[in-house]
């Protein structure tokens, strides 16, 4: 990818990734999407997610790679188990 910015919507946030517990959500598809981003996005690209939780948006991808735990998991089974763990809804005050 040679663009300077990427808009990741609700797939990738600075500190996490999109939810995988609503209808139609699939943690394996999320894993594959994040792996694809890791393989194509240059570390200097600025990431603009759809919204934020705590950290500011507009960080370079290198920062996101270093600080986003979901991007540090390379095993799909481990990722899905971690992403689908119980009580994750409460992390961001979802009802």
C-alpha atoms as a PDB file:
ATOM      1  CA  UNK A   1       0.000   0.000   0.000  1.00  0.00           C
ATOM      2  CA  UNK A   2       1.441   3.368  -0.947  1.00  0.00           C
ATOM      3  CA  UNK A   3      -1.315   5.617   0.389  1.00  0.00           C
ATOM      4  CA  UNK A   4      -0.555   7.872   3.292  1.00  0.00           C
ATOM      5  CA  UNK A   5      -3.801   7.268   5.206  1.00  0.00           C
ATOM      6  CA  UNK A   6      -6.120   4.330   5.793  1.00  0.00           C
ATOM      7  CA  UNK A   7      -9.662   4.517   7.088  1.00  0.00           C
ATOM      8  CA  UNK A   8     -10.369   1.271   8.936  1.00  0.00           C
ATOM      9  CA  UNK A   9     -13.926   1.882  10.107  1.00  0.00           C
ATOM     10  CA  UNK A  10     -15.014  -0.605  12.762  1.00  0.00           C
ATOM     11  CA  UNK A  11     -12.426  -3.244  11.807  1.00  0.00           C
ATOM     12  CA  UNK A  12      -9.278  -1.825  13.375  1.00  0.00           C
ATOM     13  CA  UNK A  13      -8.956   0.668  16.211  1.00  0.00           C
ATOM     14  CA  UNK A  14      -5.783   2.062  17.716  1.00  0.00           C
ATOM     15  CA  UNK A  15      -6.291  -0.116  20.785  1.00  0.00           C
ATOM     16  CA  UNK A  16      -8.414  -2.987  19.523  1.00  0.00           C
ATOM     17  CA  UNK A  17     -10.592  -4.372  16.766  1.00  0.00           C
ATOM     18  CA  UNK A  18     -14.257  -4.570  15.931  1.00  0.00           C
ATOM     19  CA  UNK A  19     -16.731  -6.588  17.936  1.00  0.00           C
ATOM     20  CA  UNK A  20     -17.247 -10.244  17.131  1.00  0.00           C
ATOM     21  CA  UNK A  21     -20.297 -11.107  19.209  1.00  0.00           C
ATOM     22  CA  UNK A  22     -23.192  -9.556  17.256  1.00  0.00           C
ATOM     23  CA  UNK A  23     -25.229 -11.300  14.551  1.00  0.00           C
ATOM     24  CA  UNK A  24     -23.069 -11.996  11.538  1.00  0.00           C
ATOM     25  CA  UNK A  25     -19.830 -11.334  13.413  1.00  0.00           C
ATOM     26  CA  UNK A  26     -17.032 -13.822  12.884  1.00  0.00           C
ATOM     27  CA  UNK A  27     -13.752 -13.714  14.794  1.00  0.00           C
ATOM     28  CA  UNK A  28     -11.941 -15.815  12.168  1.00  0.00           C
ATOM     29  CA  UNK A  29     -12.924 -13.321   9.448  1.00  0.00           C
ATOM     30  CA  UNK A  30     -11.743 -10.513  11.725  1.00  0.00           C
ATOM     31  CA  UNK A  31      -8.417 -12.301  12.199  1.00  0.00           C
ATOM     32  CA  UNK A  32      -8.003 -12.666   8.435  1.00  0.00           C
ATOM     33  CA  UNK A  33      -8.854  -9.005   7.854  1.00  0.00           C
ATOM     34  CA  UNK A  34      -6.306  -7.866  10.410  1.00  0.00           C
ATOM     35  CA  UNK A  35      -3.647 -10.183   8.980  1.00  0.00           C
ATOM     36  CA  UNK A  36      -4.323  -8.747   5.533  1.00  0.00           C
ATOM     37  CA  UNK A  37      -3.843  -5.228   6.885  1.00  0.00           C
ATOM     38  CA  UNK A  38      -0.573  -6.299   8.500  1.00  0.00           C
ATOM     39  CA  UNK A  39       0.675  -7.658   5.192  1.00  0.00           C
ATOM     40  CA  UNK A  40      -0.286  -4.659   3.025  1.00  0.00           C
ATOM     41  CA  UNK A  41      -0.190  -1.505   5.121  1.00  0.00           C
ATOM     42  CA  UNK A  42       3.111   0.335   5.380  1.00  0.00           C
ATOM     43  CA  UNK A  43       4.185   1.223   8.923  1.00  0.00           C
ATOM     44  CA  UNK A  44       4.175   4.939   8.107  1.00  0.00           C
ATOM     45  CA  UNK A  45       0.508   4.987   7.037  1.00  0.00           C
ATOM     46  CA  UNK A  46      -1.752   6.956   9.395  1.00  0.00           C
ATOM     47  CA  UNK A  47      -4.688   4.897  10.708  1.00  0.00           C
ATOM     48  CA  UNK A  48      -8.100   6.519  11.041  1.00  0.00           C
ATOM     49  CA  UNK A  49     -10.640   4.164  12.639  1.00  0.00           C
ATOM     50  CA  UNK A  50     -14.375   4.794  12.681  1.00  0.00           C
ATOM     51  CA  UNK A  51     -14.177   6.004  16.286  1.00  0.00           C
ATOM     52  CA  UNK A  52     -12.013   5.681  19.368  1.00  0.00           C
ATOM     53  CA  UNK A  53     -12.263   4.318  22.867  1.00  0.00           C
ATOM     54  CA  UNK A  54      -9.420   5.902  24.822  1.00  0.00           C
ATOM     55  CA  UNK A  55      -6.402   6.525  22.615  1.00  0.00           C
ATOM     56  CA  UNK A  56      -6.414   9.237  19.971  1.00  0.00           C
ATOM     57  CA  UNK A  57      -6.979   8.369  16.346  1.00  0.00           C
ATOM     58  CA  UNK A  58      -4.486   9.285  13.669  1.00  0.00           C
ATOM     59  CA  UNK A  59      -1.551   7.157  14.831  1.00  0.00           C
ATOM     60  CA  UNK A  60       0.854   5.630  12.363  1.00  0.00           C
ATOM     61  CA  UNK A  61       0.439   1.931  11.684  1.00  0.00           C
ATOM     62  CA  UNK A  62       3.774   1.180  13.345  1.00  0.00           C
ATOM     63  CA  UNK A  63       2.383   2.499  16.655  1.00  0.00           C
ATOM     64  CA  UNK A  64      -0.826   0.508  16.215  1.00  0.00           C
ATOM     65  CA  UNK A  65       1.150  -2.661  15.434  1.00  0.00           C
ATOM     66  CA  UNK A  66       3.180  -2.221  18.587  1.00  0.00           C
ATOM     67  CA  UNK A  67       0.321  -1.392  20.973  1.00  0.00           C
ATOM     68  CA  UNK A  68      -2.714  -3.256  19.643  1.00  0.00           C
ATOM     69  CA  UNK A  69      -2.798  -6.714  21.208  1.00  0.00           C
ATOM     70  CA  UNK A  70      -4.998  -8.116  18.429  1.00  0.00           C
ATOM     71  CA  UNK A  71      -2.303  -7.376  15.845  1.00  0.00           C
ATOM     72  CA  UNK A  72       0.260  -9.252  17.911  1.00  0.00           C
ATOM     73  CA  UNK A  73      -1.590 -12.574  17.726  1.00  0.00           C
ATOM     74  CA  UNK A  74      -0.535 -14.589  14.673  1.00  0.00           C
ATOM     75  CA  UNK A  75      -2.361 -17.838  15.406  1.00  0.00           C
ATOM     76  CA  UNK A  76      -6.009 -17.883  14.266  1.00  0.00           C
ATOM     77  CA  UNK A  77      -7.107 -20.284  17.007  1.00  0.00           C
ATOM     78  CA  UNK A  78      -5.491 -18.192  19.747  1.00  0.00           C
ATOM     79  CA  UNK A  79      -6.962 -15.009  18.234  1.00  0.00           C
ATOM     80  CA  UNK A  80     -10.493 -16.424  18.070  1.00  0.00           C
ATOM     81  CA  UNK A  81     -10.331 -17.799  21.595  1.00  0.00           C
ATOM     82  CA  UNK A  82      -9.090 -14.459  22.918  1.00  0.00           C
ATOM     83  CA  UNK A  83     -11.529 -12.350  20.855  1.00  0.00           C
ATOM     84  CA  UNK A  84     -14.511 -14.535  21.765  1.00  0.00           C
ATOM     85  CA  UNK A  85     -13.742 -14.665  25.492  1.00  0.00           C
ATOM     86  CA  UNK A  86     -16.601 -14.025  27.912  1.00  0.00           C
ATOM     87  CA  UNK A  87     -17.277 -10.615  29.466  1.00  0.00           C
ATOM     88  CA  UNK A  88     -15.568  -8.655  26.693  1.00  0.00           C
ATOM     89  CA  UNK A  89     -18.773  -6.665  26.215  1.00  0.00           C
ATOM     90  CA  UNK A  90     -18.140  -4.986  29.552  1.00  0.00           C
ATOM     91  CA  UNK A  91     -14.723  -3.685  28.503  1.00  0.00           C
ATOM     92  CA  UNK A  92     -16.254  -0.719  26.707  1.00  0.00           C
ATOM     93  CA  UNK A  93     -19.562  -0.432  28.588  1.00  0.00           C
ATOM     94  CA  UNK A  94     -21.721  -2.224  26.019  1.00  0.00           C
ATOM     95  CA  UNK A  95     -25.132  -3.243  27.329  1.00  0.00           C
END
